[in-house]
N, C-alpha and C. Protein backbone atom coordinates (compact mmCIF):
# COMPACT_ATOMS: atom_id res chain seq x y z
N UNK A 1 -55.25 -68.40 -42.71
CA UNK A 1 -54.53 -67.58 -43.66
C UNK A 1 -53.04 -67.73 -43.39
N UNK A 2 -52.27 -67.94 -44.44
CA UNK A 2 -50.82 -68.16 -44.30
C UNK A 2 -50.10 -66.83 -44.18
N UNK A 3 -49.06 -66.81 -43.35
CA UNK A 3 -48.24 -65.62 -43.19
C UNK A 3 -47.19 -65.56 -44.29
N UNK A 4 -46.92 -64.37 -44.77
CA UNK A 4 -45.90 -64.18 -45.80
C UNK A 4 -44.53 -64.07 -45.16
N UNK A 5 -44.44 -63.42 -44.01
CA UNK A 5 -43.16 -63.23 -43.32
C UNK A 5 -42.97 -64.32 -42.27
N UNK A 6 -41.72 -64.62 -41.96
CA UNK A 6 -41.47 -65.62 -40.91
C UNK A 6 -42.01 -65.15 -39.56
N UNK A 7 -42.27 -66.08 -38.68
CA UNK A 7 -42.87 -65.78 -37.36
C UNK A 7 -42.03 -64.81 -36.54
N UNK A 8 -40.72 -64.97 -36.55
CA UNK A 8 -39.85 -64.13 -35.74
C UNK A 8 -39.83 -62.68 -36.18
N UNK A 9 -40.02 -62.44 -37.46
CA UNK A 9 -39.98 -61.07 -37.98
C UNK A 9 -41.12 -60.25 -37.39
N UNK A 10 -42.29 -60.82 -37.32
CA UNK A 10 -43.45 -60.11 -36.78
C UNK A 10 -43.21 -59.69 -35.34
N UNK A 11 -42.62 -60.56 -34.55
CA UNK A 11 -42.34 -60.24 -33.15
C UNK A 11 -41.29 -59.14 -33.03
N UNK A 12 -40.26 -59.18 -33.87
CA UNK A 12 -39.20 -58.15 -33.84
C UNK A 12 -39.78 -56.79 -34.21
N UNK A 13 -40.64 -56.78 -35.21
CA UNK A 13 -41.27 -55.52 -35.62
C UNK A 13 -42.13 -54.97 -34.49
N UNK A 14 -42.89 -55.81 -33.83
CA UNK A 14 -43.74 -55.36 -32.72
C UNK A 14 -42.89 -54.79 -31.58
N UNK A 15 -41.77 -55.43 -31.26
CA UNK A 15 -40.89 -54.93 -30.21
C UNK A 15 -40.28 -53.58 -30.59
N UNK A 16 -39.87 -53.46 -31.85
CA UNK A 16 -39.31 -52.19 -32.32
C UNK A 16 -40.33 -51.06 -32.24
N UNK A 17 -41.56 -51.34 -32.64
CA UNK A 17 -42.62 -50.33 -32.55
C UNK A 17 -42.89 -49.95 -31.10
N UNK A 18 -42.85 -50.92 -30.22
CA UNK A 18 -43.08 -50.63 -28.80
C UNK A 18 -41.98 -49.73 -28.24
N UNK A 19 -40.71 -49.99 -28.66
CA UNK A 19 -39.61 -49.11 -28.19
C UNK A 19 -39.77 -47.70 -28.72
N UNK A 20 -40.16 -47.56 -29.97
CA UNK A 20 -40.37 -46.22 -30.53
C UNK A 20 -41.53 -45.51 -29.82
N UNK A 21 -42.59 -46.24 -29.56
CA UNK A 21 -43.71 -45.65 -28.82
C UNK A 21 -43.29 -45.21 -27.43
N UNK A 22 -42.44 -46.00 -26.77
CA UNK A 22 -41.96 -45.64 -25.43
C UNK A 22 -41.09 -44.38 -25.48
N UNK A 23 -40.39 -44.18 -26.60
CA UNK A 23 -39.54 -42.98 -26.76
C UNK A 23 -40.34 -41.81 -27.32
N UNK A 24 -41.66 -41.97 -27.46
CA UNK A 24 -42.56 -40.94 -28.00
C UNK A 24 -42.18 -40.55 -29.43
N UNK A 25 -41.83 -41.56 -30.23
CA UNK A 25 -41.53 -41.36 -31.65
C UNK A 25 -42.61 -42.06 -32.45
N UNK A 26 -43.23 -41.31 -33.34
CA UNK A 26 -44.27 -41.90 -34.19
C UNK A 26 -43.59 -42.71 -35.29
N UNK A 27 -43.67 -44.03 -35.21
CA UNK A 27 -42.97 -44.90 -36.14
C UNK A 27 -43.53 -44.81 -37.55
N UNK A 28 -44.75 -44.30 -37.69
CA UNK A 28 -45.34 -44.16 -39.02
C UNK A 28 -44.73 -42.99 -39.79
N UNK A 29 -44.44 -41.90 -39.11
CA UNK A 29 -43.95 -40.71 -39.80
C UNK A 29 -42.43 -40.54 -39.72
N UNK A 30 -41.73 -41.33 -38.93
CA UNK A 30 -40.28 -41.17 -38.78
C UNK A 30 -39.53 -41.31 -40.10
N UNK A 31 -39.81 -42.30 -40.95
CA UNK A 31 -39.08 -42.38 -42.23
C UNK A 31 -39.37 -41.20 -43.16
N UNK A 32 -40.59 -40.73 -43.12
CA UNK A 32 -40.97 -39.60 -43.97
C UNK A 32 -40.23 -38.34 -43.52
N UNK A 33 -40.21 -38.10 -42.22
CA UNK A 33 -39.51 -36.94 -41.69
C UNK A 33 -38.02 -37.02 -41.97
N UNK A 34 -37.45 -38.23 -41.93
CA UNK A 34 -36.02 -38.39 -42.24
C UNK A 34 -35.73 -38.03 -43.69
N UNK A 35 -36.62 -38.41 -44.58
CA UNK A 35 -36.44 -38.05 -45.99
C UNK A 35 -36.47 -36.55 -46.18
N UNK A 36 -37.42 -35.88 -45.55
CA UNK A 36 -37.51 -34.43 -45.69
C UNK A 36 -36.30 -33.72 -45.08
N UNK A 37 -35.77 -34.26 -43.98
CA UNK A 37 -34.54 -33.69 -43.41
C UNK A 37 -33.39 -33.81 -44.40
N UNK A 38 -33.28 -34.96 -45.05
CA UNK A 38 -32.22 -35.17 -46.03
C UNK A 38 -32.38 -34.22 -47.22
N UNK A 39 -33.60 -34.02 -47.66
CA UNK A 39 -33.86 -33.08 -48.76
C UNK A 39 -33.45 -31.67 -48.36
N UNK A 40 -33.75 -31.27 -47.14
CA UNK A 40 -33.36 -29.94 -46.66
C UNK A 40 -31.84 -29.80 -46.61
N UNK A 41 -31.14 -30.85 -46.20
CA UNK A 41 -29.68 -30.81 -46.19
C UNK A 41 -29.12 -30.62 -47.60
N UNK A 42 -29.67 -31.33 -48.56
CA UNK A 42 -29.21 -31.21 -49.95
C UNK A 42 -29.48 -29.80 -50.47
N UNK A 43 -30.63 -29.23 -50.13
CA UNK A 43 -30.95 -27.87 -50.56
C UNK A 43 -29.97 -26.87 -49.97
N UNK A 44 -29.62 -27.04 -48.69
CA UNK A 44 -28.67 -26.13 -48.06
C UNK A 44 -27.31 -26.19 -48.72
N UNK A 45 -26.85 -27.39 -49.03
CA UNK A 45 -25.55 -27.54 -49.69
C UNK A 45 -25.58 -26.89 -51.08
N UNK A 46 -26.64 -27.13 -51.82
CA UNK A 46 -26.76 -26.54 -53.16
C UNK A 46 -26.83 -25.03 -53.09
N UNK A 47 -27.51 -24.49 -52.11
CA UNK A 47 -27.63 -23.05 -51.96
C UNK A 47 -26.28 -22.43 -51.61
N UNK A 48 -25.51 -23.10 -50.74
CA UNK A 48 -24.20 -22.58 -50.35
C UNK A 48 -23.20 -22.64 -51.49
N UNK A 49 -23.27 -23.66 -52.31
CA UNK A 49 -22.34 -23.79 -53.43
C UNK A 49 -22.68 -22.86 -54.57
N UNK A 50 -23.88 -22.36 -54.59
CA UNK A 50 -24.29 -21.46 -55.67
C UNK A 50 -24.45 -22.20 -56.99
N UNK A 51 -25.12 -23.32 -56.94
CA UNK A 51 -25.33 -24.12 -58.14
C UNK A 51 -26.11 -23.29 -59.14
N UNK A 52 -25.59 -23.23 -60.39
CA UNK A 52 -26.28 -22.43 -61.40
C UNK A 52 -27.49 -23.19 -61.91
N UNK A 53 -28.48 -22.45 -62.26
CA UNK A 53 -29.70 -23.05 -62.80
C UNK A 53 -29.80 -22.72 -64.27
N UNK A 54 -30.80 -23.26 -64.92
CA UNK A 54 -31.00 -22.98 -66.34
C UNK A 54 -31.22 -21.50 -66.56
N UNK A 55 -31.92 -20.85 -65.65
CA UNK A 55 -32.18 -19.41 -65.80
C UNK A 55 -30.88 -18.62 -65.79
N UNK A 56 -29.89 -19.04 -64.99
CA UNK A 56 -28.62 -18.34 -64.94
C UNK A 56 -27.86 -18.47 -66.25
N UNK A 57 -27.92 -19.61 -66.89
CA UNK A 57 -27.18 -19.81 -68.13
C UNK A 57 -27.82 -19.09 -69.30
N UNK A 58 -29.10 -18.79 -69.22
CA UNK A 58 -29.79 -18.11 -70.31
C UNK A 58 -30.00 -16.63 -70.04
N UNK A 59 -29.45 -16.13 -68.98
CA UNK A 59 -29.69 -14.74 -68.61
C UNK A 59 -29.26 -13.74 -69.68
N UNK A 60 -28.07 -13.86 -70.33
CA UNK A 60 -27.71 -12.85 -71.34
C UNK A 60 -28.70 -12.78 -72.50
N UNK A 61 -29.16 -13.93 -72.98
CA UNK A 61 -30.11 -13.94 -74.08
C UNK A 61 -31.44 -13.36 -73.64
N UNK A 62 -31.87 -13.70 -72.46
CA UNK A 62 -33.15 -13.20 -71.98
C UNK A 62 -33.11 -11.71 -71.71
N UNK A 63 -32.00 -11.21 -71.19
CA UNK A 63 -31.96 -9.79 -70.84
C UNK A 63 -32.06 -8.94 -72.10
N UNK A 64 -31.45 -9.37 -73.22
CA UNK A 64 -31.56 -8.57 -74.43
C UNK A 64 -32.94 -8.74 -75.07
N UNK A 65 -33.52 -9.93 -74.97
CA UNK A 65 -34.84 -10.16 -75.55
C UNK A 65 -35.94 -9.48 -74.72
N UNK A 66 -35.70 -9.26 -73.45
CA UNK A 66 -36.68 -8.61 -72.58
C UNK A 66 -36.57 -7.09 -72.60
N UNK A 67 -35.55 -6.55 -73.23
CA UNK A 67 -35.34 -5.11 -73.27
C UNK A 67 -36.45 -4.45 -74.08
N UNK A 68 -36.82 -3.22 -73.71
CA UNK A 68 -37.92 -2.54 -74.40
C UNK A 68 -37.64 -2.35 -75.88
N UNK A 69 -36.48 -1.82 -76.22
CA UNK A 69 -36.16 -1.52 -77.62
C UNK A 69 -35.57 -2.74 -78.32
N UNK A 70 -34.53 -3.34 -77.74
CA UNK A 70 -33.86 -4.46 -78.39
C UNK A 70 -34.80 -5.65 -78.51
N UNK A 71 -35.63 -5.86 -77.53
CA UNK A 71 -36.57 -6.97 -77.60
C UNK A 71 -37.54 -6.82 -78.76
N UNK A 72 -38.03 -5.60 -78.95
CA UNK A 72 -38.94 -5.34 -80.07
C UNK A 72 -38.23 -5.53 -81.41
N UNK A 73 -37.00 -5.04 -81.51
CA UNK A 73 -36.25 -5.19 -82.76
C UNK A 73 -35.93 -6.66 -83.05
N UNK A 74 -35.59 -7.41 -82.03
CA UNK A 74 -35.33 -8.84 -82.21
C UNK A 74 -36.61 -9.55 -82.66
N UNK A 75 -37.72 -9.20 -82.05
CA UNK A 75 -39.00 -9.82 -82.43
C UNK A 75 -39.35 -9.51 -83.88
N UNK A 76 -39.21 -8.26 -84.28
CA UNK A 76 -39.54 -7.86 -85.65
C UNK A 76 -38.60 -8.57 -86.63
N UNK A 77 -37.33 -8.68 -86.29
CA UNK A 77 -36.38 -9.36 -87.19
C UNK A 77 -36.74 -10.83 -87.35
N UNK A 78 -37.08 -11.49 -86.27
CA UNK A 78 -37.44 -12.91 -86.35
C UNK A 78 -38.73 -13.10 -87.15
N UNK A 79 -39.72 -12.26 -86.92
CA UNK A 79 -40.98 -12.37 -87.66
C UNK A 79 -40.77 -12.08 -89.14
N UNK A 80 -39.92 -11.11 -89.47
CA UNK A 80 -39.63 -10.80 -90.88
C UNK A 80 -38.94 -11.98 -91.54
N UNK A 81 -37.97 -12.56 -90.85
CA UNK A 81 -37.27 -13.72 -91.38
C UNK A 81 -38.22 -14.89 -91.62
N UNK A 82 -39.12 -15.14 -90.68
CA UNK A 82 -40.08 -16.24 -90.84
C UNK A 82 -41.03 -15.95 -92.01
N UNK A 83 -41.53 -14.73 -92.10
CA UNK A 83 -42.45 -14.35 -93.17
C UNK A 83 -41.77 -14.54 -94.53
N UNK A 84 -40.55 -14.03 -94.65
CA UNK A 84 -39.82 -14.11 -95.90
C UNK A 84 -39.52 -15.57 -96.27
N UNK A 85 -39.16 -16.37 -95.27
CA UNK A 85 -38.85 -17.78 -95.52
C UNK A 85 -40.08 -18.54 -95.99
N UNK A 86 -41.21 -18.30 -95.37
CA UNK A 86 -42.44 -19.01 -95.75
C UNK A 86 -42.83 -18.69 -97.18
N UNK A 87 -42.79 -17.41 -97.54
CA UNK A 87 -43.20 -17.04 -98.89
C UNK A 87 -42.17 -17.42 -99.94
N UNK A 88 -40.90 -17.47 -99.58
CA UNK A 88 -39.88 -17.92 -100.53
C UNK A 88 -40.05 -19.40 -100.82
N UNK A 89 -40.23 -20.19 -99.78
CA UNK A 89 -40.41 -21.63 -99.99
C UNK A 89 -41.76 -21.94 -100.62
N UNK A 90 -42.75 -21.10 -100.44
CA UNK A 90 -44.06 -21.34 -101.03
C UNK A 90 -44.07 -21.06 -102.52
N UNK A 91 -43.13 -20.25 -103.01
CA UNK A 91 -43.08 -19.96 -104.45
C UNK A 91 -42.77 -21.20 -105.27
N UNK A 92 -41.92 -22.07 -104.77
CA UNK A 92 -41.51 -23.24 -105.54
C UNK A 92 -42.70 -24.13 -105.88
N UNK A 93 -43.52 -24.54 -104.91
CA UNK A 93 -44.68 -25.38 -105.31
C UNK A 93 -45.70 -24.59 -106.14
N UNK A 94 -45.84 -23.27 -105.88
CA UNK A 94 -46.81 -22.50 -106.66
C UNK A 94 -46.38 -22.42 -108.12
N UNK A 95 -45.08 -22.27 -108.38
CA UNK A 95 -44.60 -22.22 -109.75
C UNK A 95 -44.74 -23.59 -110.41
N UNK A 96 -44.48 -24.64 -109.63
CA UNK A 96 -44.60 -25.99 -110.19
C UNK A 96 -46.05 -26.31 -110.54
N UNK A 97 -47.01 -25.90 -109.74
CA UNK A 97 -48.41 -26.19 -110.01
C UNK A 97 -48.98 -25.30 -111.12
N UNK A 98 -48.47 -24.10 -111.22
CA UNK A 98 -49.02 -23.20 -112.23
C UNK A 98 -48.59 -23.61 -113.64
N UNK A 99 -47.50 -24.36 -113.81
CA UNK A 99 -47.05 -24.83 -115.11
C UNK A 99 -47.89 -25.98 -115.64
N UNK A 100 -48.58 -26.66 -114.78
CA UNK A 100 -49.36 -27.81 -115.20
C UNK A 100 -50.62 -27.45 -115.91
């Protein structure tokens, strides 16, 4: 079976793994743990800077829509507008078909 990598690369990798084993570092999980450390660093920076999220930008609209009284009134107004719009637009084809 032919090797894909050059002969020297395999030996260098084996030596590197042996050094990591001697230092009691699991060479299989070291890259994964490094990625998670970097993710944690990014999260800490974002938390300290107070990066706004989508929820923060929509808070004024949500707070009024979630209110007991205002939320109900907004819901009723939207439903009335939709009901009225549907029946207004439905009159045009009904009138056109009834003339035929």
